[in-house]
Amino acid sequence: MRVRILISAALGFLAASLSLSQQARAQLGLPSRPSSTDSAATSVSSASPRAALQSFLRLAEANDWVGAAEYLSVSTAERDRASQLARRLKTILDQRLAIDVRTVSGAVSGDTTDGDMGGDRIGVITSVNGREDPVRMVRLSAPASGGPVRWVFSQATVGFIDSWFENLGAPWLRERLPRTLMREGPFNVYYWQWIGLGLAIPVVLLLAWGLGALLRNLLGRIARHTVTEWDDLLLEHLRGPFRLWAASLAIGPLLSLLDLNTRVAGFFTSLTRGLVLISIFWGLLRIIRLAQDRVANAAWATGQGTQARTLVPLLGNFLRVTLAIIALLVALAQFGYPVGTLLAGLGIGGIAVALAAQKTVEHLFGSVSLAADNAFRVGDWVRAGASEGAVERIGLRSTSIRTVDRTVVRIPNGRLADERIETFGERDRILLRTDIDLTYGTTPEQLERIRDALEAALRAHPLIFTDVVRVNVVAFTDSAIRVNVVAWFLTTDYQEFLHIRHAMLITFMRIIADNGSSFAFPSRTIYHVQQDGTTPVPVIGASAPAADV
């Protein structure tokens, strides 16, 4: 869940940030941020087509239509309408061309690589009948007085202005809507189009809900006739992604009815493709989650649930991270960023990236190594280095261990893979080993009876591992006869073993008492020497220091 939220938030933040990038800002007609190409603006000639186009747009933004008309090659018959033609041309450029002035030549001679030595093509406008009409600027030769070279829109381009203008903004609405609604608002979008955008949002949501319900009902009937539950669960998990996909598909036809200008339409097209990609990757995340749950449940059914708790989440996280990286690259490519150049740059700077990500890669491969070796599983009690506790989580970077103090220790997997790991969860039986110290007053016959009784009590237990049961006298210490007891019990539950050990130790006490012996404790016999030379008198159990002897 956390990975899906992070990926969705990352994609949303990416879309928002990219919408304010240079390309998206150009689509919406916002000022571009300074770039390396803008730094070369000082090399642009004032007599170039780029400078002429910038001057025309600047004058038009200031509503100086008389000055803007100076950049139109107007015939003598149309000279009185020059200001009106300039106004209409500005509207046409806003609605039908997403011009990036940085792509226009900044040389006095213009772009001569296309073979057009006398002019530059700024763009192409498709007319109603499908004809492509070029928008050209031509160079006017310097007058004999030596005046500067001027670039203006060609006379052929000016001749198309009226026909282009008549086909702007749904002409069939022009005669039916008030003139106020036919005026341009923010981002050169007509006010009636803004109203249409506001109405399109609930329509898109309604269409997405209706289409989703219809197809889900249809596919649900088909899924109910199958024997597997995969298809039913898949339909349930893909409900949200399918609605988003249906909504993104419905945006295109609705926006085509509004006939938005090129910049805004291009932005919404990129946004629509981004929503389609988000819905696809969202659906893939849901499928991964579904497959992870199904594999884990299947593992529990076959008795491999403990191992599934370790490997399945690790594999699921790896697939989600991989999918997030792919989604990020696809989103970058979708918004026009050069992904190939980015990958090439990563290849060139691979050494720096490898050094910077050395620890991250080390921990990632450490998690893969731990999973491949099956060193431990979630729920196992382990001792790794100075840490001991129950494994709660095995992540891509670190492993969390719950200690006996109920604290959580997170150990990086790279370091954990190099540690000496003692796993208590893999033992098939638990060892009981203890030393029983008897007093020196115990006779050999009593020792034999005690030893036989202890071994018989151990072998009588139903969970004893009969192959190894050892009860032997192993040493004579300073104050006791030591009997060593070694036995295995066939249980892996440590709580159960604690009860077994408790009962056996109580039984050992009874056996020793019934055979007339007792437990020894650290003691020392001290002899006091009489002054008259008589036999020393031993004092049993005295604890006087050696200096008093």
Protein backbone atom coordinates (compact mmCIF):
# COMPACT_ATOMS: atom_id res chain seq x y z
CA MET A 1 0.00 0.00 0.00
CA ARG A 2 2.78 2.43 0.95
CA VAL A 3 4.67 1.72 -2.28
CA ARG A 4 1.54 2.30 -4.38
CA ILE A 5 0.83 5.61 -2.63
CA LEU A 6 4.43 6.72 -3.13
CA ILE A 7 4.35 5.84 -6.82
CA SER A 8 1.00 7.59 -7.36
CA ALA A 9 2.24 10.67 -5.51
CA ALA A 10 5.48 10.66 -7.50
CA LEU A 11 3.62 10.45 -10.80
CA GLY A 12 1.23 13.20 -9.73
CA PHE A 13 4.09 15.43 -8.63
CA LEU A 14 5.90 14.66 -11.87
CA ALA A 15 2.88 15.63 -13.95
CA ALA A 16 2.45 18.85 -11.99
CA SER A 17 6.09 19.80 -12.26
CA LEU A 18 6.26 18.90 -15.92
CA SER A 19 3.17 20.97 -16.58
CA LEU A 20 5.24 23.96 -15.53
CA SER A 21 8.29 22.91 -17.53
CA GLN A 22 9.43 24.80 -20.57
CA GLN A 23 7.55 22.61 -23.00
CA ALA A 24 4.24 22.70 -21.09
CA ARG A 25 4.59 26.43 -20.41
CA ALA A 26 5.10 26.98 -24.10
CA GLN A 27 1.96 24.96 -24.83
CA LEU A 28 -0.08 27.16 -22.49
CA GLY A 29 1.48 30.35 -23.75
CA LEU A 30 3.32 31.11 -20.50
CA PRO A 31 6.76 32.72 -20.52
CA SER A 32 9.54 30.21 -20.79
CA ARG A 33 12.28 29.95 -18.23
CA PRO A 34 15.72 31.03 -19.33
CA SER A 35 17.65 28.23 -20.97
CA SER A 36 20.92 27.69 -22.73
CA THR A 37 19.32 28.57 -26.03
CA ASP A 38 18.04 31.85 -24.59
CA SER A 39 21.51 32.73 -23.46
CA ALA A 40 22.46 32.96 -27.11
CA ALA A 41 19.83 35.64 -27.73
CA THR A 42 22.54 38.26 -28.04
CA SER A 43 23.59 36.59 -31.30
CA VAL A 44 20.12 37.03 -32.86
CA SER A 45 20.15 39.77 -35.47
CA SER A 46 17.57 42.53 -35.17
CA ALA A 47 16.94 42.10 -38.89
CA SER A 48 16.17 38.35 -38.61
CA PRO A 49 12.78 36.61 -38.97
CA ARG A 50 12.92 35.70 -35.27
CA ALA A 51 13.32 39.33 -34.24
CA ALA A 52 10.50 40.36 -36.58
CA LEU A 53 8.17 37.70 -35.20
CA GLN A 54 9.00 38.69 -31.61
CA SER A 55 8.32 42.33 -32.41
CA PHE A 56 4.97 41.48 -34.02
CA LEU A 57 3.89 39.41 -31.01
CA ARG A 58 5.06 42.07 -28.56
CA LEU A 59 3.13 44.84 -30.33
CA ALA A 60 0.05 42.62 -30.59
CA GLU A 61 0.16 41.86 -26.86
CA ALA A 62 0.26 45.62 -26.27
CA ASN A 63 -2.76 46.09 -28.60
CA ASP A 64 -0.65 48.28 -30.90
CA TRP A 65 -2.26 46.97 -34.06
CA VAL A 66 -0.97 49.82 -36.21
CA GLY A 67 2.60 48.95 -35.29
CA ALA A 68 1.92 45.23 -35.68
CA ALA A 69 0.50 45.83 -39.18
CA GLU A 70 3.93 47.04 -40.24
CA TYR A 71 5.03 43.40 -40.24
CA LEU A 72 2.39 42.39 -42.80
CA SER A 73 2.93 42.55 -46.54
CA VAL A 74 -0.45 44.09 -47.33
CA SER A 75 -1.57 44.87 -50.84
CA THR A 76 -2.64 48.39 -51.74
CA ALA A 77 -6.31 47.37 -51.82
CA GLU A 78 -6.15 45.96 -48.28
CA ARG A 79 -4.06 48.72 -46.72
CA ASP A 80 -7.07 50.24 -44.92
CA ARG A 81 -7.69 46.86 -43.22
CA ALA A 82 -4.09 46.35 -42.16
CA SER A 83 -4.82 46.77 -38.44
CA GLN A 84 -7.78 44.39 -38.62
CA LEU A 85 -5.68 41.82 -40.50
CA ALA A 86 -2.94 42.07 -37.88
CA ARG A 87 -5.51 41.51 -35.12
CA ARG A 88 -6.94 38.48 -36.92
CA LEU A 89 -3.48 37.04 -37.63
CA LYS A 90 -2.60 37.23 -33.93
CA THR A 91 -5.80 35.35 -33.09
CA ILE A 92 -5.03 32.74 -35.74
CA LEU A 93 -1.51 32.21 -34.43
CA ASP A 94 -2.86 31.82 -30.89
CA GLN A 95 -5.54 29.33 -31.93
CA ARG A 96 -3.86 27.28 -34.64
CA LEU A 97 -0.10 27.43 -34.13
CA ALA A 98 2.00 26.71 -31.04
CA ILE A 99 4.94 28.81 -32.14
CA ASP A 100 8.25 28.52 -30.35
CA VAL A 101 10.18 31.59 -31.44
CA ARG A 102 13.43 29.87 -30.52
CA THR A 103 12.98 27.56 -33.52
CA VAL A 104 12.81 30.51 -35.93
CA SER A 105 16.09 31.52 -37.55
CA GLY A 106 17.97 34.39 -35.94
CA ALA A 107 20.14 35.11 -39.00
CA VAL A 108 19.59 38.02 -41.36
CA SER A 109 19.35 35.67 -44.31
CA GLY A 110 16.88 33.37 -42.51
CA ASP A 111 16.93 29.59 -42.78
CA THR A 112 18.48 28.75 -46.12
CA THR A 113 18.79 25.01 -45.52
CA ASP A 114 15.26 24.32 -46.81
CA GLY A 115 16.00 25.75 -50.24
CA ASP A 116 13.72 28.77 -49.77
CA MET A 117 16.20 31.58 -50.20
CA GLY A 118 13.66 34.40 -49.99
CA GLY A 119 11.59 33.43 -46.95
CA ASP A 120 11.08 31.25 -43.87
CA ARG A 121 8.17 28.95 -43.08
CA ILE A 122 6.88 29.62 -39.56
CA GLY A 123 4.26 26.89 -39.55
CA VAL A 124 1.41 25.21 -41.44
CA ILE A 125 -2.33 25.70 -40.89
CA THR A 126 -4.75 23.03 -42.10
CA SER A 127 -7.85 24.50 -43.67
CA VAL A 128 -11.37 23.05 -43.54
CA ASN A 129 -10.96 21.13 -46.80
CA GLY A 130 -7.69 19.59 -45.54
CA ARG A 131 -5.38 21.88 -47.50
CA GLU A 132 -2.15 22.78 -45.72
CA ASP A 133 -1.48 26.51 -45.99
CA PRO A 134 2.01 27.67 -45.00
CA VAL A 135 2.59 30.65 -42.76
CA ARG A 136 5.65 32.36 -44.26
CA MET A 137 7.77 35.39 -43.58
CA VAL A 138 9.70 36.98 -46.42
CA ARG A 139 12.68 39.27 -46.49
CA LEU A 140 12.23 42.72 -47.98
CA SER A 141 15.34 43.96 -49.70
CA ALA A 142 17.05 46.98 -48.22
CA PRO A 143 16.07 50.22 -49.91
CA ALA A 144 18.53 52.19 -51.95
CA SER A 145 18.98 54.57 -49.03
CA GLY A 146 20.69 51.76 -47.15
CA GLY A 147 17.90 51.10 -44.62
CA PRO A 148 17.81 47.83 -42.63
CA VAL A 149 16.53 44.54 -44.02
CA ARG A 150 12.96 43.84 -42.90
CA TRP A 151 11.11 40.56 -42.45
CA VAL A 152 7.31 40.56 -42.83
CA PHE A 153 4.52 38.02 -43.25
CA SER A 154 4.22 37.20 -46.94
CA GLN A 155 1.40 38.56 -49.10
CA ALA A 156 0.14 34.99 -49.69
CA THR A 157 -0.07 34.42 -45.93
CA VAL A 158 -1.96 37.70 -45.51
CA GLY A 159 -4.35 36.56 -48.24
CA PHE A 160 -5.31 33.47 -46.18
CA ILE A 161 -6.05 35.43 -42.98
CA ASP A 162 -9.77 36.01 -43.60
CA SER A 163 -10.52 32.39 -44.54
CA TRP A 164 -8.55 31.09 -41.59
CA PHE A 165 -10.29 33.47 -39.22
CA GLU A 166 -13.76 32.49 -40.38
CA ASN A 167 -13.08 28.86 -39.44
CA LEU A 168 -11.89 29.55 -35.91
CA GLY A 169 -13.72 28.50 -32.76
CA ALA A 170 -16.62 26.44 -34.16
CA PRO A 171 -18.00 28.83 -36.83
CA TRP A 172 -21.48 27.33 -36.47
CA LEU A 173 -21.61 28.84 -32.96
CA ARG A 174 -20.45 32.26 -34.08
CA GLU A 175 -23.91 33.29 -35.23
CA ARG A 176 -25.72 31.75 -32.25
CA LEU A 177 -23.69 32.86 -29.23
CA PRO A 178 -23.38 36.36 -27.77
CA ARG A 179 -20.27 38.23 -28.80
CA THR A 180 -19.11 38.25 -25.17
CA LEU A 181 -18.76 34.45 -25.18
CA MET A 182 -16.78 34.58 -28.43
CA ARG A 183 -14.06 36.70 -26.85
CA GLU A 184 -10.73 35.19 -25.84
CA GLY A 185 -10.12 34.56 -22.17
CA PRO A 186 -7.04 33.24 -20.31
CA PHE A 187 -4.62 31.16 -22.40
CA ASN A 188 -6.40 32.37 -25.58
CA VAL A 189 -9.37 30.12 -24.82
CA TYR A 190 -12.79 31.53 -25.74
CA TYR A 191 -15.17 32.10 -22.87
CA TRP A 192 -17.68 29.63 -24.30
CA GLN A 193 -14.88 27.04 -24.37
CA TRP A 194 -14.15 27.69 -20.69
CA ILE A 195 -17.81 27.03 -19.97
CA GLY A 196 -17.60 23.86 -22.04
CA LEU A 197 -14.56 22.71 -20.06
CA GLY A 198 -16.48 23.21 -16.83
CA LEU A 199 -19.37 21.14 -18.15
CA ALA A 200 -17.06 18.46 -19.57
CA ILE A 201 -15.73 17.41 -16.15
CA PRO A 202 -19.01 15.95 -14.78
CA VAL A 203 -19.77 14.50 -18.22
CA VAL A 204 -16.41 12.70 -18.27
CA LEU A 205 -16.97 11.33 -14.75
CA LEU A 206 -20.47 10.17 -15.68
CA LEU A 207 -19.24 8.47 -18.86
CA ALA A 208 -16.40 6.79 -16.98
CA TRP A 209 -18.76 5.51 -14.29
CA GLY A 210 -21.35 4.31 -16.82
CA LEU A 211 -18.81 2.63 -19.10
CA GLY A 212 -17.07 1.03 -16.13
CA ALA A 213 -20.33 -0.30 -14.69
CA LEU A 214 -21.44 -1.65 -18.08
CA LEU A 215 -18.22 -3.50 -18.84
CA ARG A 216 -17.84 -4.71 -15.26
CA ASN A 217 -21.35 -6.14 -15.37
CA LEU A 218 -20.64 -7.83 -18.69
CA LEU A 219 -17.28 -9.24 -17.64
CA GLY A 220 -18.70 -10.22 -14.24
CA ARG A 221 -21.29 -12.46 -15.90
CA ILE A 222 -18.55 -14.16 -17.84
CA ALA A 223 -16.33 -14.53 -14.75
CA ARG A 224 -19.11 -16.12 -12.71
CA HIS A 225 -19.23 -19.04 -15.15
CA THR A 226 -15.55 -19.88 -14.66
CA VAL A 227 -14.20 -22.25 -12.02
CA THR A 228 -11.31 -20.05 -10.90
CA GLU A 229 -11.54 -17.05 -8.59
CA TRP A 230 -8.73 -15.15 -10.29
CA ASP A 231 -10.99 -13.37 -12.77
CA ASP A 232 -13.47 -12.27 -10.09
CA LEU A 233 -10.72 -10.86 -7.90
CA LEU A 234 -9.08 -9.24 -10.92
CA LEU A 235 -12.29 -7.40 -11.82
CA GLU A 236 -12.61 -6.16 -8.24
CA HIS A 237 -9.01 -4.95 -8.03
CA LEU A 238 -9.06 -3.20 -11.43
CA ARG A 239 -12.19 -1.15 -10.80
CA GLY A 240 -10.34 2.08 -9.98
CA PRO A 241 -7.72 1.86 -12.77
CA PHE A 242 -10.40 1.01 -15.31
CA ARG A 243 -12.48 4.06 -14.38
CA LEU A 244 -9.44 6.31 -14.72
CA TRP A 245 -8.64 4.74 -18.09
CA ALA A 246 -12.23 5.21 -19.30
CA ALA A 247 -12.24 8.84 -18.12
CA SER A 248 -8.99 9.58 -19.93
CA LEU A 249 -10.36 8.07 -23.14
CA ALA A 250 -13.54 10.15 -22.86
CA ILE A 251 -11.56 13.40 -22.56
CA GLY A 252 -10.36 13.29 -26.19
CA PRO A 253 -13.74 13.30 -27.99
CA LEU A 254 -15.14 15.97 -25.66
CA LEU A 255 -12.17 18.26 -26.19
CA SER A 256 -12.41 17.82 -29.95
CA LEU A 257 -15.95 19.23 -29.80
CA LEU A 258 -14.65 22.33 -28.02
CA ASP A 259 -12.07 23.00 -30.77
CA LEU A 260 -9.47 24.38 -28.34
CA ASN A 261 -6.41 26.22 -29.55
CA THR A 262 -3.28 24.30 -30.39
CA ARG A 263 -1.38 25.09 -27.20
CA VAL A 264 -4.14 24.12 -24.79
CA ALA A 265 -5.22 21.13 -26.90
CA GLY A 266 -1.61 19.89 -26.96
CA PHE A 267 -1.39 20.23 -23.19
CA PHE A 268 -4.62 18.28 -22.66
CA THR A 269 -3.46 15.63 -25.14
CA SER A 270 -0.27 15.13 -23.13
CA LEU A 271 -2.30 15.10 -19.93
CA THR A 272 -4.68 12.51 -21.37
CA ARG A 273 -1.82 10.24 -22.39
CA GLY A 274 -0.34 10.71 -18.91
CA LEU A 275 -3.62 9.63 -17.30
CA VAL A 276 -3.74 6.57 -19.55
CA LEU A 277 -0.22 5.65 -18.46
CA ILE A 278 -1.09 6.19 -14.80
CA SER A 279 -4.16 3.96 -15.14
CA ILE A 280 -2.07 1.24 -16.80
CA PHE A 281 0.66 1.30 -14.17
CA TRP A 282 -1.94 1.53 -11.41
CA GLY A 283 -3.60 -1.58 -12.82
CA LEU A 284 -0.25 -3.38 -12.94
CA LEU A 285 0.36 -2.50 -9.30
CA ARG A 286 -3.03 -3.94 -8.41
CA ILE A 287 -2.23 -7.12 -10.34
CA ILE A 288 1.08 -7.45 -8.49
CA ARG A 289 -0.71 -7.03 -5.17
CA LEU A 290 -3.32 -9.62 -6.16
CA ALA A 291 -0.66 -12.11 -7.29
CA GLN A 292 1.29 -11.52 -4.07
CA ASP A 293 -1.74 -12.26 -1.90
CA ARG A 294 -2.69 -15.32 -3.92
CA VAL A 295 0.83 -16.77 -3.82
CA ALA A 296 1.05 -16.15 -0.08
CA ASN A 297 -2.31 -17.86 0.52
CA ALA A 298 -1.32 -20.79 -1.65
CA ALA A 299 1.91 -21.12 0.32
CA TRP A 300 0.01 -21.16 3.61
CA ALA A 301 -2.26 -23.88 2.21
CA THR A 302 0.76 -26.05 1.36
CA GLY A 303 2.45 -25.49 4.71
CA GLN A 304 5.11 -23.06 3.47
CA GLY A 305 3.56 -19.95 4.99
CA THR A 306 6.64 -18.92 6.97
CA GLN A 307 8.84 -18.89 3.90
CA ALA A 308 6.16 -17.08 1.92
CA ARG A 309 6.07 -14.28 4.51
CA THR A 310 9.73 -13.67 3.69
CA LEU A 311 10.07 -14.17 -0.06
CA VAL A 312 6.70 -12.97 -1.38
CA PRO A 313 6.81 -9.42 0.08
CA LEU A 314 10.46 -9.08 -0.98
CA LEU A 315 9.63 -10.10 -4.56
CA GLY A 316 6.52 -7.87 -4.57
CA ASN A 317 8.52 -4.83 -3.44
CA PHE A 318 11.16 -5.52 -6.08
CA LEU A 319 8.53 -5.67 -8.83
CA ARG A 320 6.85 -2.48 -7.60
CA VAL A 321 10.12 -0.55 -7.52
CA THR A 322 10.99 -1.79 -11.01
CA LEU A 323 7.56 -0.78 -12.24
CA ALA A 324 7.94 2.67 -10.66
CA ILE A 325 11.24 3.21 -12.49
CA ILE A 326 9.69 2.18 -15.81
CA ALA A 327 6.68 4.43 -15.16
CA LEU A 328 8.99 7.37 -14.42
CA LEU A 329 10.96 6.86 -17.64
CA VAL A 330 7.77 6.51 -19.71
CA ALA A 331 6.31 9.66 -18.11
CA LEU A 332 9.48 11.60 -18.87
CA ALA A 333 9.39 10.44 -22.47
CA GLN A 334 5.69 11.28 -22.71
CA PHE A 335 6.29 14.90 -21.72
CA GLY A 336 9.08 15.30 -24.23
CA TYR A 337 12.13 14.78 -22.07
CA PRO A 338 15.02 12.99 -23.85
CA VAL A 339 15.04 9.68 -21.99
CA GLY A 340 17.66 8.26 -24.36
CA THR A 341 19.98 11.14 -23.57
CA LEU A 342 19.29 10.66 -19.88
CA LEU A 343 20.15 6.96 -20.03
CA ALA A 344 23.24 7.72 -22.09
CA GLY A 345 24.29 10.27 -19.49
CA LEU A 346 23.83 7.69 -16.77
CA GLY A 347 26.01 5.34 -18.79
CA ILE A 348 28.75 7.97 -19.12
CA GLY A 349 28.48 8.90 -15.46
CA GLY A 350 28.00 5.30 -14.37
CA ILE A 351 31.11 5.31 -12.19
CA ALA A 352 29.92 8.34 -10.24
CA VAL A 353 26.44 6.87 -9.87
CA ALA A 354 27.88 3.52 -8.76
CA LEU A 355 30.07 5.19 -6.15
CA ALA A 356 27.19 7.32 -4.87
CA ALA A 357 24.82 4.33 -4.71
CA GLN A 358 27.42 1.86 -3.44
CA LYS A 359 25.81 1.30 -0.07
CA THR A 360 22.30 1.13 -1.53
CA VAL A 361 23.37 -1.47 -4.09
CA GLU A 362 25.24 -3.37 -1.39
CA HIS A 363 22.14 -3.58 0.79
CA LEU A 364 19.99 -4.54 -2.20
CA PHE A 365 22.26 -7.42 -3.12
CA GLY A 366 22.48 -8.31 0.56
CA SER A 367 18.70 -8.78 0.65
CA VAL A 368 18.89 -10.93 -2.49
CA SER A 369 21.66 -13.00 -0.89
CA LEU A 370 19.68 -13.50 2.32
CA ALA A 371 16.61 -14.55 0.34
CA ALA A 372 18.60 -16.92 -1.88
CA ASP A 373 20.36 -18.58 1.07
CA ASN A 374 17.10 -18.70 3.05
CA ALA A 375 19.16 -17.70 6.08
CA PHE A 376 16.05 -16.93 8.12
CA ARG A 377 12.38 -16.16 7.69
CA VAL A 378 9.93 -13.69 9.14
CA GLY A 379 9.02 -14.87 12.64
CA ASP A 380 12.31 -16.71 13.28
CA TRP A 381 14.30 -16.02 16.43
CA VAL A 382 17.84 -15.16 15.38
CA ARG A 383 21.12 -13.97 16.82
CA ALA A 384 23.10 -11.78 14.42
CA GLY A 385 26.21 -10.16 15.80
CA ALA A 386 25.24 -8.32 18.98
CA SER A 387 21.51 -8.36 18.19
CA GLU A 388 19.04 -11.09 19.13
CA GLY A 389 15.29 -11.23 18.63
CA ALA A 390 12.41 -12.15 16.33
CA VAL A 391 12.56 -11.18 12.65
CA GLU A 392 9.64 -8.88 11.90
CA ARG A 393 10.39 -7.64 8.39
CA ILE A 394 12.88 -8.27 5.61
CA GLY A 395 13.02 -5.24 3.30
CA LEU A 396 15.05 -4.33 0.26
CA ARG A 397 17.45 -2.27 2.35
CA SER A 398 17.29 -3.51 5.96
CA THR A 399 15.91 -6.22 8.22
CA SER A 400 13.91 -5.37 11.37
CA ILE A 401 14.46 -7.49 14.49
CA ARG A 402 12.23 -7.23 17.58
CA THR A 403 14.43 -7.70 20.67
CA VAL A 404 13.47 -9.11 24.06
CA ASP A 405 13.17 -5.50 25.29
CA ARG A 406 10.46 -4.96 22.63
CA THR A 407 12.67 -2.52 20.76
CA VAL A 408 13.22 -2.81 17.01
CA VAL A 409 16.74 -3.07 15.62
CA ARG A 410 17.13 -2.37 11.89
CA ILE A 411 20.25 -3.92 10.41
CA PRO A 412 21.29 -3.06 6.82
CA ASN A 413 21.15 -6.19 4.69
CA GLY A 414 24.65 -5.66 3.30
CA ARG A 415 26.13 -5.82 6.80
CA LEU A 416 23.75 -8.56 7.92
CA ALA A 417 24.83 -10.81 5.03
CA ASP A 418 28.42 -10.68 6.38
CA GLU A 419 27.44 -11.39 9.99
CA ARG A 420 27.46 -14.75 11.74
CA ILE A 421 23.73 -15.54 11.86
CA GLU A 422 22.40 -18.07 14.33
CA THR A 423 18.82 -19.03 13.50
CA PHE A 424 16.87 -20.71 16.26
CA GLY A 425 13.84 -21.19 14.05
CA GLU A 426 15.52 -23.93 11.99
CA ARG A 427 16.31 -26.33 14.83
CA ASP A 428 14.33 -29.57 14.80
CA ARG A 429 14.69 -30.18 18.55
CA ILE A 430 15.79 -28.26 21.64
CA LEU A 431 18.64 -29.20 23.94
CA LEU A 432 18.33 -29.68 27.70
CA ARG A 433 21.77 -29.52 29.28
CA THR A 434 22.45 -28.96 32.96
CA ASP A 435 24.98 -29.79 35.66
CA ILE A 436 23.76 -31.22 39.00
CA ASP A 437 26.17 -30.79 41.93
CA LEU A 438 25.74 -33.37 44.74
CA THR A 439 27.34 -33.29 48.16
CA TYR A 440 30.42 -35.37 48.92
CA GLY A 441 28.36 -37.25 51.46
CA THR A 442 26.66 -39.11 48.62
CA THR A 443 27.81 -42.75 48.45
CA PRO A 444 28.70 -44.51 45.18
CA GLU A 445 25.60 -46.68 45.49
CA GLN A 446 23.44 -43.58 45.82
CA LEU A 447 25.15 -42.05 42.79
CA GLU A 448 24.34 -45.11 40.70
CA ARG A 449 20.69 -45.10 41.78
CA ILE A 450 20.37 -41.35 41.14
CA ARG A 451 21.97 -41.63 37.69
CA ASP A 452 19.67 -44.52 36.67
CA ALA A 453 16.58 -42.74 38.00
CA LEU A 454 17.44 -39.49 36.16
CA GLU A 455 17.94 -41.31 32.85
CA ALA A 456 14.73 -43.30 33.33
CA ALA A 457 12.77 -40.09 34.01
CA LEU A 458 14.13 -38.52 30.84
CA ARG A 459 13.39 -41.54 28.66
CA ALA A 460 9.87 -41.75 30.04
CA HIS A 461 8.96 -38.35 28.62
CA PRO A 462 6.86 -38.64 25.41
CA LEU A 463 8.85 -35.94 23.54
CA ILE A 464 12.34 -37.23 24.38
CA PHE A 465 14.83 -37.86 21.55
CA THR A 466 15.86 -41.35 22.60
CA ASP A 467 19.06 -41.50 20.55
CA VAL A 468 20.85 -39.06 22.83
CA VAL A 469 20.18 -39.29 26.59
CA ARG A 470 23.32 -38.90 28.72
CA VAL A 471 23.54 -38.82 32.52
CA ASN A 472 27.13 -39.17 33.79
CA VAL A 473 29.38 -38.15 36.64
CA VAL A 474 31.85 -35.82 34.94
CA ALA A 475 33.92 -34.14 37.66
CA PHE A 476 34.84 -33.76 41.33
CA THR A 477 34.85 -30.06 42.01
CA ASP A 478 36.02 -28.24 45.11
CA SER A 479 32.70 -28.68 46.84
CA ALA A 480 30.56 -31.15 44.87
CA ILE A 481 30.26 -34.26 42.77
CA ARG A 482 29.12 -32.99 39.35
CA VAL A 483 26.59 -34.98 37.32
CA ASN A 484 26.12 -33.80 33.72
CA VAL A 485 22.68 -34.27 32.07
CA VAL A 486 22.25 -33.97 28.27
CA ALA A 487 18.99 -34.70 26.42
CA TRP A 488 17.02 -33.48 23.40
CA PHE A 489 13.29 -32.88 23.25
CA LEU A 490 11.38 -33.12 19.97
CA THR A 491 9.78 -29.70 19.92
CA THR A 492 10.52 -26.42 18.14
CA ASP A 493 8.25 -24.34 20.33
CA TYR A 494 10.44 -22.63 22.88
CA GLN A 495 7.52 -21.91 25.22
CA GLU A 496 6.65 -25.60 25.26
CA PHE A 497 10.28 -26.45 25.97
CA LEU A 498 10.28 -24.09 28.97
CA HIS A 499 7.40 -26.08 30.49
CA ILE A 500 9.19 -29.37 29.77
CA ARG A 501 12.43 -28.18 31.37
CA HIS A 502 10.55 -26.89 34.41
CA ALA A 503 8.85 -30.24 34.96
CA MET A 504 12.07 -32.23 34.48
CA LEU A 505 14.06 -30.12 36.93
CA ILE A 506 11.37 -30.58 39.58
CA THR A 507 11.51 -34.33 38.91
CA PHE A 508 15.31 -34.27 39.34
CA MET A 509 14.89 -32.64 42.76
CA ARG A 510 12.50 -35.37 43.91
CA ILE A 511 14.79 -38.16 42.68
CA ILE A 512 17.78 -36.72 44.55
CA ALA A 513 15.78 -36.27 47.74
CA ASP A 514 14.25 -39.77 47.52
CA ASN A 515 17.74 -41.31 47.26
CA GLY A 516 19.08 -39.62 50.42
CA SER A 517 21.30 -37.04 48.76
CA SER A 518 21.17 -33.27 48.41
CA PHE A 519 22.48 -30.47 46.31
CA ALA A 520 25.90 -29.11 47.09
CA PHE A 521 26.73 -25.48 47.45
CA PRO A 522 30.14 -23.79 47.38
CA SER A 523 31.83 -24.53 50.72
CA ARG A 524 35.28 -24.87 52.31
CA THR A 525 36.60 -26.98 55.25
CA ILE A 526 38.87 -25.01 57.56
CA TYR A 527 41.11 -26.72 60.17
CA HIS A 528 41.91 -24.88 63.39
CA VAL A 529 45.27 -26.06 64.78
CA GLN A 530 45.38 -26.35 68.59
CA GLN A 531 48.25 -24.67 70.43
CA ASP A 532 49.02 -27.88 72.41
CA GLY A 533 49.56 -29.85 69.22
CA THR A 534 46.47 -31.98 69.47
CA THR A 535 44.62 -33.16 66.39
CA PRO A 536 43.09 -30.33 64.37
CA VAL A 537 39.37 -29.97 64.65
CA PRO A 538 37.63 -29.54 61.24
CA VAL A 539 34.86 -27.01 61.02
CA ILE A 540 32.53 -28.05 58.16
CA GLY A 541 30.98 -25.31 56.08
CA ALA A 542 33.06 -22.55 57.57
CA SER A 543 33.60 -19.62 55.30
CA ALA A 544 36.60 -18.07 56.97
CA PRO A 545 39.21 -16.55 54.67
CA ALA A 546 42.43 -18.47 53.99
CA ALA A 547 44.46 -16.08 56.17
CA ASP A 548 42.76 -17.48 59.30
CA VAL A 549 43.86 -21.04 58.60
